[in-house]
Amino acid sequence: MNPTNRVSTVLPLILGTALSLLAACSDDSTTAPTGPLRILVTNDDGVGAPGIDAVVEALILDPSNEVIVSAPAEGRSGTADNTIETAPSCGTGAADPGSTMSGYTEDVWAVDGCPADSVLYALANLYPNDPPHVILSGINEGQNVGFVSGGTLSQISGTVGAAKTGACSGVPALASSQGEGEDIDYESGLVEVLRWLEANRGALLAGQLSLDNITSINIPTCDTGVIRGRVEVPLGTTIPDYVPSLLAPQDCESTLENPQDDVEAFFNGFVAVTPVPSNSNDTCDKLN
């Protein structure tokens, strides 16, 4: 079954679960900010990729969301936080309306550029009055874990780079990445994206989420077993001996407990929730 179609069949259930989580975690305060949440969605796999399609299809089911999509016209993986000024091979920077997303054709822009260009284009052109409250980058096809010299994925990821570009421009951001597998499990990734969004909705509406870091979530795709839980962990700086490469399958039948970083957590079947400094790679400095 096509991954996009498979995800679309469970979107109402997933959205209902996320809203239930929000109700369970929220307090009774009547002063909490309300109103539509302005969400900019981007990625590095291209505007028609199944991961971004799944996110948008879920977001538009909730009338409290206002969604605009601005993403590369085609896949630009591995471009980090580069723009066409530093990576001319990304394109010209021009943007065209239109979408290959299933069921959604409004407010979708395909940018001939790097992921960072798609964010900068949106902030400069698609929000004439108020900026978005949050940028959701992903769900990426493939994991983006670790901060390892000579083997890092988080630092070369265009999905992470787009999120950092947003934070450096004053908008909190989430980067989400789904692990490689026999059948990439965007359903589990979508649950985590919606969970994070609902847990932080109040802070986003109030402008209270820090811009010093973006949040990077890496969700395993379990060829066998099931996701073992969710942990908040730092970026890994080493690759364990049992991980042949940062592109290896995830072991959701592992018995390892208390992972110490995102690499260890992810490859042992945990969802890894990790703060990534917005200015790593000097992202903010490049924009000034």
C-alpha atoms as a PDB file:
ATOM      1  CA  MET A   1       0.000   0.000   0.000  1.00  0.00           C
ATOM      2  CA  ASN A   2       1.192   3.499  -0.772  1.00  0.00           C
ATOM      3  CA  PRO A   3       2.508   5.072   2.478  1.00  0.00           C
ATOM      4  CA  THR A   4       0.462   8.245   1.955  1.00  0.00           C
ATOM      5  CA  ASN A   5      -2.771   6.314   1.450  1.00  0.00           C
ATOM      6  CA  ARG A   6      -2.069   4.104   4.450  1.00  0.00           C
ATOM      7  CA  VAL A   7      -1.478   7.126   6.657  1.00  0.00           C
ATOM      8  CA  SER A   8      -4.588   8.919   5.412  1.00  0.00           C
ATOM      9  CA  THR A   9      -6.836   6.083   6.576  1.00  0.00           C
ATOM     10  CA  VAL A  10      -5.832   6.604  10.205  1.00  0.00           C
ATOM     11  CA  LEU A  11      -5.542  10.395  10.371  1.00  0.00           C
ATOM     12  CA  PRO A  12      -8.828  11.022  12.244  1.00  0.00           C
ATOM     13  CA  LEU A  13      -7.857   8.478  14.894  1.00  0.00           C
ATOM     14  CA  ILE A  14      -4.367   9.916  15.271  1.00  0.00           C
ATOM     15  CA  LEU A  15      -5.647  13.481  15.511  1.00  0.00           C
ATOM     16  CA  GLY A  16      -8.212  12.448  18.117  1.00  0.00           C
ATOM     17  CA  THR A  17      -5.464  10.826  20.168  1.00  0.00           C
ATOM     18  CA  ALA A  18      -3.346  13.979  20.032  1.00  0.00           C
ATOM     19  CA  LEU A  19      -6.245  16.195  21.099  1.00  0.00           C
ATOM     20  CA  SER A  20      -6.974  13.837  23.994  1.00  0.00           C
ATOM     21  CA  LEU A  21      -3.354  14.127  25.067  1.00  0.00           C
ATOM     22  CA  LEU A  22      -3.670  17.906  25.034  1.00  0.00           C
ATOM     23  CA  ALA A  23      -6.769  17.818  27.221  1.00  0.00           C
ATOM     24  CA  ALA A  24      -5.075  15.489  29.667  1.00  0.00           C
ATOM     25  CA  CYS A  25      -1.964  17.661  29.942  1.00  0.00           C
ATOM     26  CA  SER A  26      -3.601  21.101  29.989  1.00  0.00           C
ATOM     27  CA  ASP A  27      -4.755  23.005  33.072  1.00  0.00           C
ATOM     28  CA  ASP A  28      -8.057  24.800  33.661  1.00  0.00           C
ATOM     29  CA  SER A  29      -6.627  28.294  33.320  1.00  0.00           C
ATOM     30  CA  THR A  30      -8.990  30.705  31.589  1.00  0.00           C
ATOM     31  CA  THR A  31      -6.126  33.042  30.707  1.00  0.00           C
ATOM     32  CA  ALA A  32      -4.409  30.583  28.366  1.00  0.00           C
ATOM     33  CA  PRO A  33      -3.983  32.101  24.882  1.00  0.00           C
ATOM     34  CA  THR A  34      -6.500  30.998  22.302  1.00  0.00           C
ATOM     35  CA  GLY A  35      -7.042  31.481  18.605  1.00  0.00           C
ATOM     36  CA  PRO A  36      -5.799  29.823  15.454  1.00  0.00           C
ATOM     37  CA  LEU A  37      -2.253  28.527  15.476  1.00  0.00           C
ATOM     38  CA  ARG A  38      -0.348  29.733  12.414  1.00  0.00           C
ATOM     39  CA  ILE A  39       1.756  26.817  11.186  1.00  0.00           C
ATOM     40  CA  LEU A  40       4.363  26.854   8.419  1.00  0.00           C
ATOM     41  CA  VAL A  41       5.144  23.359   7.129  1.00  0.00           C
ATOM     42  CA  THR A  42       8.311  22.566   5.205  1.00  0.00           C
ATOM     43  CA  ASN A  43      10.769  19.710   4.579  1.00  0.00           C
ATOM     44  CA  ASP A  44      13.776  18.708   2.490  1.00  0.00           C
ATOM     45  CA  ASP A  45      12.239  15.782   0.558  1.00  0.00           C
ATOM     46  CA  GLY A  46      10.154  18.026  -1.666  1.00  0.00           C
ATOM     47  CA  VAL A  47       6.648  19.409  -1.519  1.00  0.00           C
ATOM     48  CA  GLY A  48       5.054  16.174  -2.749  1.00  0.00           C
ATOM     49  CA  ALA A  49       6.785  13.756  -0.355  1.00  0.00           C
ATOM     50  CA  PRO A  50       4.614  11.380   1.713  1.00  0.00           C
ATOM     51  CA  GLY A  51       5.974  12.562   5.078  1.00  0.00           C
ATOM     52  CA  ILE A  52       4.998  16.211   4.628  1.00  0.00           C
ATOM     53  CA  ASP A  53       1.730  15.145   3.023  1.00  0.00           C
ATOM     54  CA  ALA A  54       0.816  13.113   6.105  1.00  0.00           C
ATOM     55  CA  VAL A  55       1.516  16.057   8.420  1.00  0.00           C
ATOM     56  CA  VAL A  56      -0.514  18.533   6.376  1.00  0.00           C
ATOM     57  CA  GLU A  57      -3.442  16.156   5.941  1.00  0.00           C
ATOM     58  CA  ALA A  58      -3.622  15.784   9.726  1.00  0.00           C
ATOM     59  CA  LEU A  59      -3.193  19.476  10.536  1.00  0.00           C
ATOM     60  CA  ILE A  60      -6.000  20.639   8.277  1.00  0.00           C
ATOM     61  CA  LEU A  61      -8.473  18.384  10.076  1.00  0.00           C
ATOM     62  CA  ASP A  62      -8.181  20.689  13.091  1.00  0.00           C
ATOM     63  CA  PRO A  63      -9.957  24.047  12.510  1.00  0.00           C
ATOM     64  CA  SER A  64      -7.760  25.678  15.163  1.00  0.00           C
ATOM     65  CA  ASN A  65      -4.794  25.400  12.779  1.00  0.00           C
ATOM     66  CA  GLU A  66      -3.946  27.778   9.931  1.00  0.00           C
ATOM     67  CA  VAL A  67      -1.572  25.951   7.610  1.00  0.00           C
ATOM     68  CA  ILE A  68       0.751  27.265   4.922  1.00  0.00           C
ATOM     69  CA  VAL A  69       3.159  24.955   3.114  1.00  0.00           C
ATOM     70  CA  SER A  70       6.429  26.206   1.652  1.00  0.00           C
ATOM     71  CA  ALA A  71       8.869  23.475   0.675  1.00  0.00           C
ATOM     72  CA  PRO A  72      11.426  22.707  -2.001  1.00  0.00           C
ATOM     73  CA  ALA A  73       9.909  21.932  -5.384  1.00  0.00           C
ATOM     74  CA  GLU A  74      11.962  18.732  -5.414  1.00  0.00           C
ATOM     75  CA  GLY A  75      14.075  16.746  -2.988  1.00  0.00           C
ATOM     76  CA  ARG A  76      16.981  18.718  -1.493  1.00  0.00           C
ATOM     77  CA  SER A  77      18.215  16.313   1.177  1.00  0.00           C
ATOM     78  CA  GLY A  78      21.635  16.886   2.673  1.00  0.00           C
ATOM     79  CA  THR A  79      21.672  20.627   2.078  1.00  0.00           C
ATOM     80  CA  ALA A  80      21.736  21.534   5.786  1.00  0.00           C
ATOM     81  CA  ASP A  81      20.987  25.250   6.293  1.00  0.00           C
ATOM     82  CA  ASN A  82      22.407  26.287   2.913  1.00  0.00           C
ATOM     83  CA  THR A  83      20.615  28.760   0.669  1.00  0.00           C
ATOM     84  CA  ILE A  84      20.983  29.359  -3.048  1.00  0.00           C
ATOM     85  CA  GLU A  85      23.610  31.980  -2.221  1.00  0.00           C
ATOM     86  CA  THR A  86      25.883  29.266  -0.810  1.00  0.00           C
ATOM     87  CA  ALA A  87      24.506  26.337  -2.829  1.00  0.00           C
ATOM     88  CA  PRO A  88      23.472  27.620  -6.302  1.00  0.00           C
ATOM     89  CA  SER A  89      22.698  24.057  -7.365  1.00  0.00           C
ATOM     90  CA  CYS A  90      19.539  24.277  -5.238  1.00  0.00           C
ATOM     91  CA  GLY A  91      17.858  26.477  -7.832  1.00  0.00           C
ATOM     92  CA  THR A  92      16.826  30.059  -8.463  1.00  0.00           C
ATOM     93  CA  GLY A  93      14.695  30.835  -5.419  1.00  0.00           C
ATOM     94  CA  ALA A  94      11.524  31.273  -7.475  1.00  0.00           C
ATOM     95  CA  ALA A  95       8.288  29.893  -6.037  1.00  0.00           C
ATOM     96  CA  ASP A  96       5.132  28.626  -7.700  1.00  0.00           C
ATOM     97  CA  PRO A  97       1.744  27.894  -6.153  1.00  0.00           C
ATOM     98  CA  GLY A  98       0.478  24.376  -6.437  1.00  0.00           C
ATOM     99  CA  SER A  99       0.730  21.004  -4.809  1.00  0.00           C
ATOM    100  CA  THR A 100       0.748  17.286  -5.407  1.00  0.00           C
ATOM    101  CA  MET A 101      -0.577  16.738  -1.888  1.00  0.00           C
ATOM    102  CA  SER A 102      -3.616  14.530  -1.652  1.00  0.00           C
ATOM    103  CA  GLY A 103      -6.693  16.547  -0.775  1.00  0.00           C
ATOM    104  CA  TYR A 104      -4.967  19.890  -0.109  1.00  0.00           C
ATOM    105  CA  THR A 105      -4.226  22.563  -2.700  1.00  0.00           C
ATOM    106  CA  GLU A 106      -4.559  25.812  -0.728  1.00  0.00           C
ATOM    107  CA  ASP A 107      -1.583  27.822   0.486  1.00  0.00           C
ATOM    108  CA  VAL A 108       1.037  25.448  -0.911  1.00  0.00           C
ATOM    109  CA  TRP A 109       4.202  26.856  -2.439  1.00  0.00           C
ATOM    110  CA  ALA A 110       6.923  24.948  -4.244  1.00  0.00           C
ATOM    111  CA  VAL A 111      10.224  26.808  -3.950  1.00  0.00           C
ATOM    112  CA  ASP A 112      13.063  26.306  -6.409  1.00  0.00           C
ATOM    113  CA  GLY A 113      15.710  26.317  -3.725  1.00  0.00           C
ATOM    114  CA  CYS A 114      17.093  24.676  -0.603  1.00  0.00           C
ATOM    115  CA  PRO A 115      14.881  23.929   2.425  1.00  0.00           C
ATOM    116  CA  ALA A 116      16.213  27.059   4.135  1.00  0.00           C
ATOM    117  CA  ASP A 117      15.178  29.076   1.085  1.00  0.00           C
ATOM    118  CA  SER A 118      11.625  27.762   1.372  1.00  0.00           C
ATOM    119  CA  VAL A 119      11.453  28.986   4.975  1.00  0.00           C
ATOM    120  CA  LEU A 120      12.923  32.396   4.155  1.00  0.00           C
ATOM    121  CA  TYR A 121      10.602  32.761   1.154  1.00  0.00           C
ATOM    122  CA  ALA A 122       7.554  32.020   3.306  1.00  0.00           C
ATOM    123  CA  LEU A 123       8.520  34.417   6.078  1.00  0.00           C
ATOM    124  CA  ALA A 124       9.174  37.223   3.600  1.00  0.00           C
ATOM    125  CA  ASN A 125       6.212  36.693   1.281  1.00  0.00           C
ATOM    126  CA  LEU A 126       3.462  34.539   2.747  1.00  0.00           C
ATOM    127  CA  TYR A 127       2.968  36.221   6.128  1.00  0.00           C
ATOM    128  CA  PRO A 128       2.280  39.899   5.362  1.00  0.00           C
ATOM    129  CA  ASN A 129       0.782  40.649   8.773  1.00  0.00           C
ATOM    130  CA  ASP A 130       1.868  38.242  11.511  1.00  0.00           C
ATOM    131  CA  PRO A 131       4.588  35.572  11.346  1.00  0.00           C
ATOM    132  CA  PRO A 132       3.783  31.922  11.965  1.00  0.00           C
ATOM    133  CA  HIS A 133       3.686  30.703  15.539  1.00  0.00           C
ATOM    134  CA  VAL A 134       5.688  27.600  14.637  1.00  0.00           C
ATOM    135  CA  ILE A 135       7.517  25.853  11.817  1.00  0.00           C
ATOM    136  CA  LEU A 136       7.065  22.099  11.412  1.00  0.00           C
ATOM    137  CA  SER A 137       9.814  20.615   9.246  1.00  0.00           C
ATOM    138  CA  GLY A 138       9.220  17.035   8.102  1.00  0.00           C
ATOM    139  CA  ILE A 139       8.387  14.257   8.487  1.00  0.00           C
ATOM    140  CA  ASN A 140      11.703  13.476   6.836  1.00  0.00           C
ATOM    141  CA  GLU A 141      12.299  10.172   5.067  1.00  0.00           C
ATOM    142  CA  GLY A 142      15.179   8.778   7.119  1.00  0.00           C
ATOM    143  CA  GLN A 143      16.701   9.473  10.501  1.00  0.00           C
ATOM    144  CA  ASN A 144      18.724  12.546  11.438  1.00  0.00           C
ATOM    145  CA  VAL A 145      20.554  11.630  14.622  1.00  0.00           C
ATOM    146  CA  GLY A 146      23.914  12.402  16.144  1.00  0.00           C
ATOM    147  CA  PHE A 147      26.521  15.094  16.091  1.00  0.00           C
ATOM    148  CA  VAL A 148      29.435  12.931  15.061  1.00  0.00           C
ATOM    149  CA  SER A 149      32.492  14.212  13.247  1.00  0.00           C
ATOM    150  CA  GLY A 150      32.669  12.596   9.832  1.00  0.00           C
ATOM    151  CA  GLY A 151      29.325  10.833  10.173  1.00  0.00           C
ATOM    152  CA  THR A 152      26.730  13.284  11.425  1.00  0.00           C
ATOM    153  CA  LEU A 153      23.233  13.338  10.013  1.00  0.00           C
ATOM    154  CA  SER A 154      21.688  16.085  12.124  1.00  0.00           C
ATOM    155  CA  GLN A 155      24.119  18.692  10.802  1.00  0.00           C
ATOM    156  CA  ILE A 156      23.738  17.923   7.094  1.00  0.00           C
ATOM    157  CA  SER A 157      19.970  17.439   7.224  1.00  0.00           C
ATOM    158  CA  GLY A 158      17.963  19.941   5.230  1.00  0.00           C
ATOM    159  CA  THR A 159      14.982  19.134   7.454  1.00  0.00           C
ATOM    160  CA  VAL A 160      16.937  20.168  10.545  1.00  0.00           C
ATOM    161  CA  GLY A 161      18.515  23.081   8.655  1.00  0.00           C
ATOM    162  CA  ALA A 162      15.098  24.456   7.698  1.00  0.00           C
ATOM    163  CA  ALA A 163      13.967  24.296  11.333  1.00  0.00           C
ATOM    164  CA  LYS A 164      17.107  26.074  12.524  1.00  0.00           C
ATOM    165  CA  THR A 165      16.677  28.743   9.858  1.00  0.00           C
ATOM    166  CA  GLY A 166      13.188  29.341  11.201  1.00  0.00           C
ATOM    167  CA  ALA A 167      14.363  29.645  14.793  1.00  0.00           C
ATOM    168  CA  CYS A 168      17.149  32.015  13.765  1.00  0.00           C
ATOM    169  CA  SER A 169      14.471  34.115  12.058  1.00  0.00           C
ATOM    170  CA  GLY A 170      12.393  34.305  15.224  1.00  0.00           C
ATOM    171  CA  VAL A 171       9.997  31.350  14.847  1.00  0.00           C
ATOM    172  CA  PRO A 172      10.132  28.235  17.089  1.00  0.00           C
ATOM    173  CA  ALA A 173      10.546  25.033  15.121  1.00  0.00           C
ATOM    174  CA  LEU A 174      10.292  21.263  15.203  1.00  0.00           C
ATOM    175  CA  ALA A 175      12.216  18.898  12.913  1.00  0.00           C
ATOM    176  CA  SER A 176      10.793  15.389  12.633  1.00  0.00           C
ATOM    177  CA  SER A 177      12.477  12.420  11.001  1.00  0.00           C
ATOM    178  CA  GLN A 178      11.216   8.881  10.469  1.00  0.00           C
ATOM    179  CA  GLY A 179      13.664   5.989  10.555  1.00  0.00           C
ATOM    180  CA  GLU A 180      14.470   3.970   7.476  1.00  0.00           C
ATOM    181  CA  GLY A 181      12.827   0.572   7.288  1.00  0.00           C
ATOM    182  CA  GLU A 182      11.190  -1.953   5.009  1.00  0.00           C
ATOM    183  CA  ASP A 183       7.980   0.108   5.075  1.00  0.00           C
ATOM    184  CA  ILE A 184       8.574   3.604   6.515  1.00  0.00           C
ATOM    185  CA  ASP A 185       6.139   4.053   9.397  1.00  0.00           C
ATOM    186  CA  TYR A 186       4.920   7.626   8.970  1.00  0.00           C
ATOM    187  CA  GLU A 187       1.916   6.808  11.152  1.00  0.00           C
ATOM    188  CA  SER A 188       4.081   6.611  14.276  1.00  0.00           C
ATOM    189  CA  GLY A 189       5.949   9.741  13.251  1.00  0.00           C
ATOM    190  CA  LEU A 190       2.717  11.647  12.813  1.00  0.00           C
ATOM    191  CA  VAL A 191       1.638  10.705  16.332  1.00  0.00           C
ATOM    192  CA  GLU A 192       4.829  12.264  17.703  1.00  0.00           C
ATOM    193  CA  VAL A 193       4.505  15.452  15.651  1.00  0.00           C
ATOM    194  CA  LEU A 194       0.926  15.997  16.812  1.00  0.00           C
ATOM    195  CA  ARG A 195       1.817  15.123  20.397  1.00  0.00           C
ATOM    196  CA  TRP A 196       4.582  17.749  20.439  1.00  0.00           C
ATOM    197  CA  LEU A 197       2.370  20.351  18.789  1.00  0.00           C
ATOM    198  CA  GLU A 198      -0.483  19.913  21.235  1.00  0.00           C
ATOM    199  CA  ALA A 199       1.803  19.812  24.265  1.00  0.00           C
ATOM    200  CA  ASN A 200       3.316  23.148  23.199  1.00  0.00           C
ATOM    201  CA  ARG A 201       0.291  24.862  21.647  1.00  0.00           C
ATOM    202  CA  GLY A 202      -0.255  27.256  24.545  1.00  0.00           C
ATOM    203  CA  ALA A 203       3.402  28.272  24.710  1.00  0.00           C
ATOM    204  CA  LEU A 204       3.504  28.751  20.939  1.00  0.00           C
ATOM    205  CA  LEU A 205       0.418  30.965  20.932  1.00  0.00           C
ATOM    206  CA  ALA A 206       1.897  33.001  23.790  1.00  0.00           C
ATOM    207  CA  GLY A 207       5.302  33.311  22.120  1.00  0.00           C
ATOM    208  CA  GLN A 208       6.988  31.628  25.064  1.00  0.00           C
ATOM    209  CA  LEU A 209       8.938  28.815  23.391  1.00  0.00           C
ATOM    210  CA  SER A 210      12.705  29.293  23.335  1.00  0.00           C
ATOM    211  CA  LEU A 211      14.488  30.132  20.103  1.00  0.00           C
ATOM    212  CA  ASP A 212      17.880  28.994  21.392  1.00  0.00           C
ATOM    213  CA  ASN A 213      17.155  25.414  20.320  1.00  0.00           C
ATOM    214  CA  ILE A 214      14.925  23.619  17.901  1.00  0.00           C
ATOM    215  CA  THR A 215      13.447  20.274  18.845  1.00  0.00           C
ATOM    216  CA  SER A 216      14.477  17.310  16.720  1.00  0.00           C
ATOM    217  CA  ILE A 217      12.389  14.149  17.001  1.00  0.00           C
ATOM    218  CA  ASN A 218      13.606  10.886  15.483  1.00  0.00           C
ATOM    219  CA  ILE A 219      11.023   8.118  15.348  1.00  0.00           C
ATOM    220  CA  PRO A 220      12.054   4.497  14.713  1.00  0.00           C
ATOM    221  CA  THR A 221      10.491   2.404  11.994  1.00  0.00           C
ATOM    222  CA  CYS A 222      10.180  -1.028  13.561  1.00  0.00           C
ATOM    223  CA  ASP A 223      10.519  -3.851  11.033  1.00  0.00           C
ATOM    224  CA  THR A 224      10.021  -6.147  14.035  1.00  0.00           C
ATOM    225  CA  GLY A 225       8.819  -5.308  17.524  1.00  0.00           C
ATOM    226  CA  VAL A 226       7.226  -2.001  18.536  1.00  0.00           C
ATOM    227  CA  ILE A 227       8.438   1.430  19.611  1.00  0.00           C
ATOM    228  CA  ARG A 228       9.622   1.065  23.199  1.00  0.00           C
ATOM    229  CA  GLY A 229       8.859   4.534  24.504  1.00  0.00           C
ATOM    230  CA  ARG A 230       9.886   8.160  24.267  1.00  0.00           C
ATOM    231  CA  VAL A 231      12.971   9.726  25.827  1.00  0.00           C
ATOM    232  CA  GLU A 232      14.416  13.224  25.973  1.00  0.00           C
ATOM    233  CA  VAL A 233      18.119  12.878  25.251  1.00  0.00           C
ATOM    234  CA  PRO A 234      21.013  15.014  23.975  1.00  0.00           C
ATOM    235  CA  LEU A 235      22.701  14.694  20.607  1.00  0.00           C
ATOM    236  CA  GLY A 236      25.030  11.731  20.430  1.00  0.00           C
ATOM    237  CA  THR A 237      28.707  12.351  19.761  1.00  0.00           C
ATOM    238  CA  THR A 238      29.765   8.743  19.202  1.00  0.00           C
ATOM    239  CA  ILE A 239      28.448   5.757  17.293  1.00  0.00           C
ATOM    240  CA  PRO A 240      28.151   2.559  19.369  1.00  0.00           C
ATOM    241  CA  ASP A 241      30.009  -0.505  18.132  1.00  0.00           C
ATOM    242  CA  TYR A 242      26.724  -2.343  17.526  1.00  0.00           C
ATOM    243  CA  VAL A 243      25.516   0.350  15.076  1.00  0.00           C
ATOM    244  CA  PRO A 244      27.175  -0.286  11.694  1.00  0.00           C
ATOM    245  CA  SER A 245      26.238   3.175  10.408  1.00  0.00           C
ATOM    246  CA  LEU A 246      23.860   6.025  11.149  1.00  0.00           C
ATOM    247  CA  LEU A 247      21.647   4.669   8.366  1.00  0.00           C
ATOM    248  CA  ALA A 248      21.289   1.226   9.965  1.00  0.00           C
ATOM    249  CA  PRO A 249      17.940  -0.395  10.890  1.00  0.00           C
ATOM    250  CA  GLN A 250      16.499   0.190  14.339  1.00  0.00           C
ATOM    251  CA  ASP A 251      16.279  -2.616  16.883  1.00  0.00           C
ATOM    252  CA  CYS A 252      12.828  -2.319  18.451  1.00  0.00           C
ATOM    253  CA  GLU A 253      13.370  -5.654  20.226  1.00  0.00           C
ATOM    254  CA  SER A 254      16.424  -4.365  22.082  1.00  0.00           C
ATOM    255  CA  THR A 255      16.557  -4.736  25.862  1.00  0.00           C
ATOM    256  CA  LEU A 256      18.829  -1.743  26.460  1.00  0.00           C
ATOM    257  CA  GLU A 257      17.415   0.640  29.065  1.00  0.00           C
ATOM    258  CA  ASN A 258      18.165   4.283  29.872  1.00  0.00           C
ATOM    259  CA  PRO A 259      19.759   5.389  26.579  1.00  0.00           C
ATOM    260  CA  GLN A 260      22.178   8.272  27.018  1.00  0.00           C
ATOM    261  CA  ASP A 261      21.795  10.110  23.706  1.00  0.00           C
ATOM    262  CA  ASP A 262      19.706  10.244  20.553  1.00  0.00           C
ATOM    263  CA  VAL A 263      21.848   7.722  18.670  1.00  0.00           C
ATOM    264  CA  GLU A 264      21.608   5.126  21.427  1.00  0.00           C
ATOM    265  CA  ALA A 265      17.904   5.776  21.989  1.00  0.00           C
ATOM    266  CA  PHE A 266      16.886   5.670  18.346  1.00  0.00           C
ATOM    267  CA  PHE A 267      18.786   2.526  17.428  1.00  0.00           C
ATOM    268  CA  ASN A 268      17.363   0.742  20.451  1.00  0.00           C
ATOM    269  CA  GLY A 269      13.775   1.409  19.514  1.00  0.00           C
ATOM    270  CA  PHE A 270      12.985   4.632  21.389  1.00  0.00           C
ATOM    271  CA  VAL A 271      11.579   7.885  20.033  1.00  0.00           C
ATOM    272  CA  ALA A 272      14.414  10.353  20.623  1.00  0.00           C
ATOM    273  CA  VAL A 273      13.409  13.933  21.475  1.00  0.00           C
ATOM    274  CA  THR A 274      16.486  16.134  21.300  1.00  0.00           C
ATOM    275  CA  PRO A 275      17.261  19.850  21.585  1.00  0.00           C
ATOM    276  CA  VAL A 276      19.540  21.071  18.793  1.00  0.00           C
ATOM    277  CA  PRO A 277      21.169  24.513  19.141  1.00  0.00           C
ATOM    278  CA  SER A 278      19.705  26.843  16.535  1.00  0.00           C
ATOM    279  CA  ASN A 279      23.105  28.331  15.778  1.00  0.00           C
ATOM    280  CA  SER A 280      24.987  25.067  15.311  1.00  0.00           C
ATOM    281  CA  ASN A 281      26.650  25.283  11.905  1.00  0.00           C
ATOM    282  CA  ASP A 282      26.572  29.082  12.543  1.00  0.00           C
ATOM    283  CA  THR A 283      23.078  29.099  11.074  1.00  0.00           C
ATOM    284  CA  CYS A 284      22.028  32.339  12.775  1.00  0.00           C
ATOM    285  CA  ASP A 285      25.310  34.042  11.998  1.00  0.00           C
ATOM    286  CA  LYS A 286      24.820  33.332   8.279  1.00  0.00           C
ATOM    287  CA  LEU A 287      21.479  35.133   8.308  1.00  0.00           C
ATOM    288  CA  ASN A 288      22.867  38.303   9.911  1.00  0.00           C
END
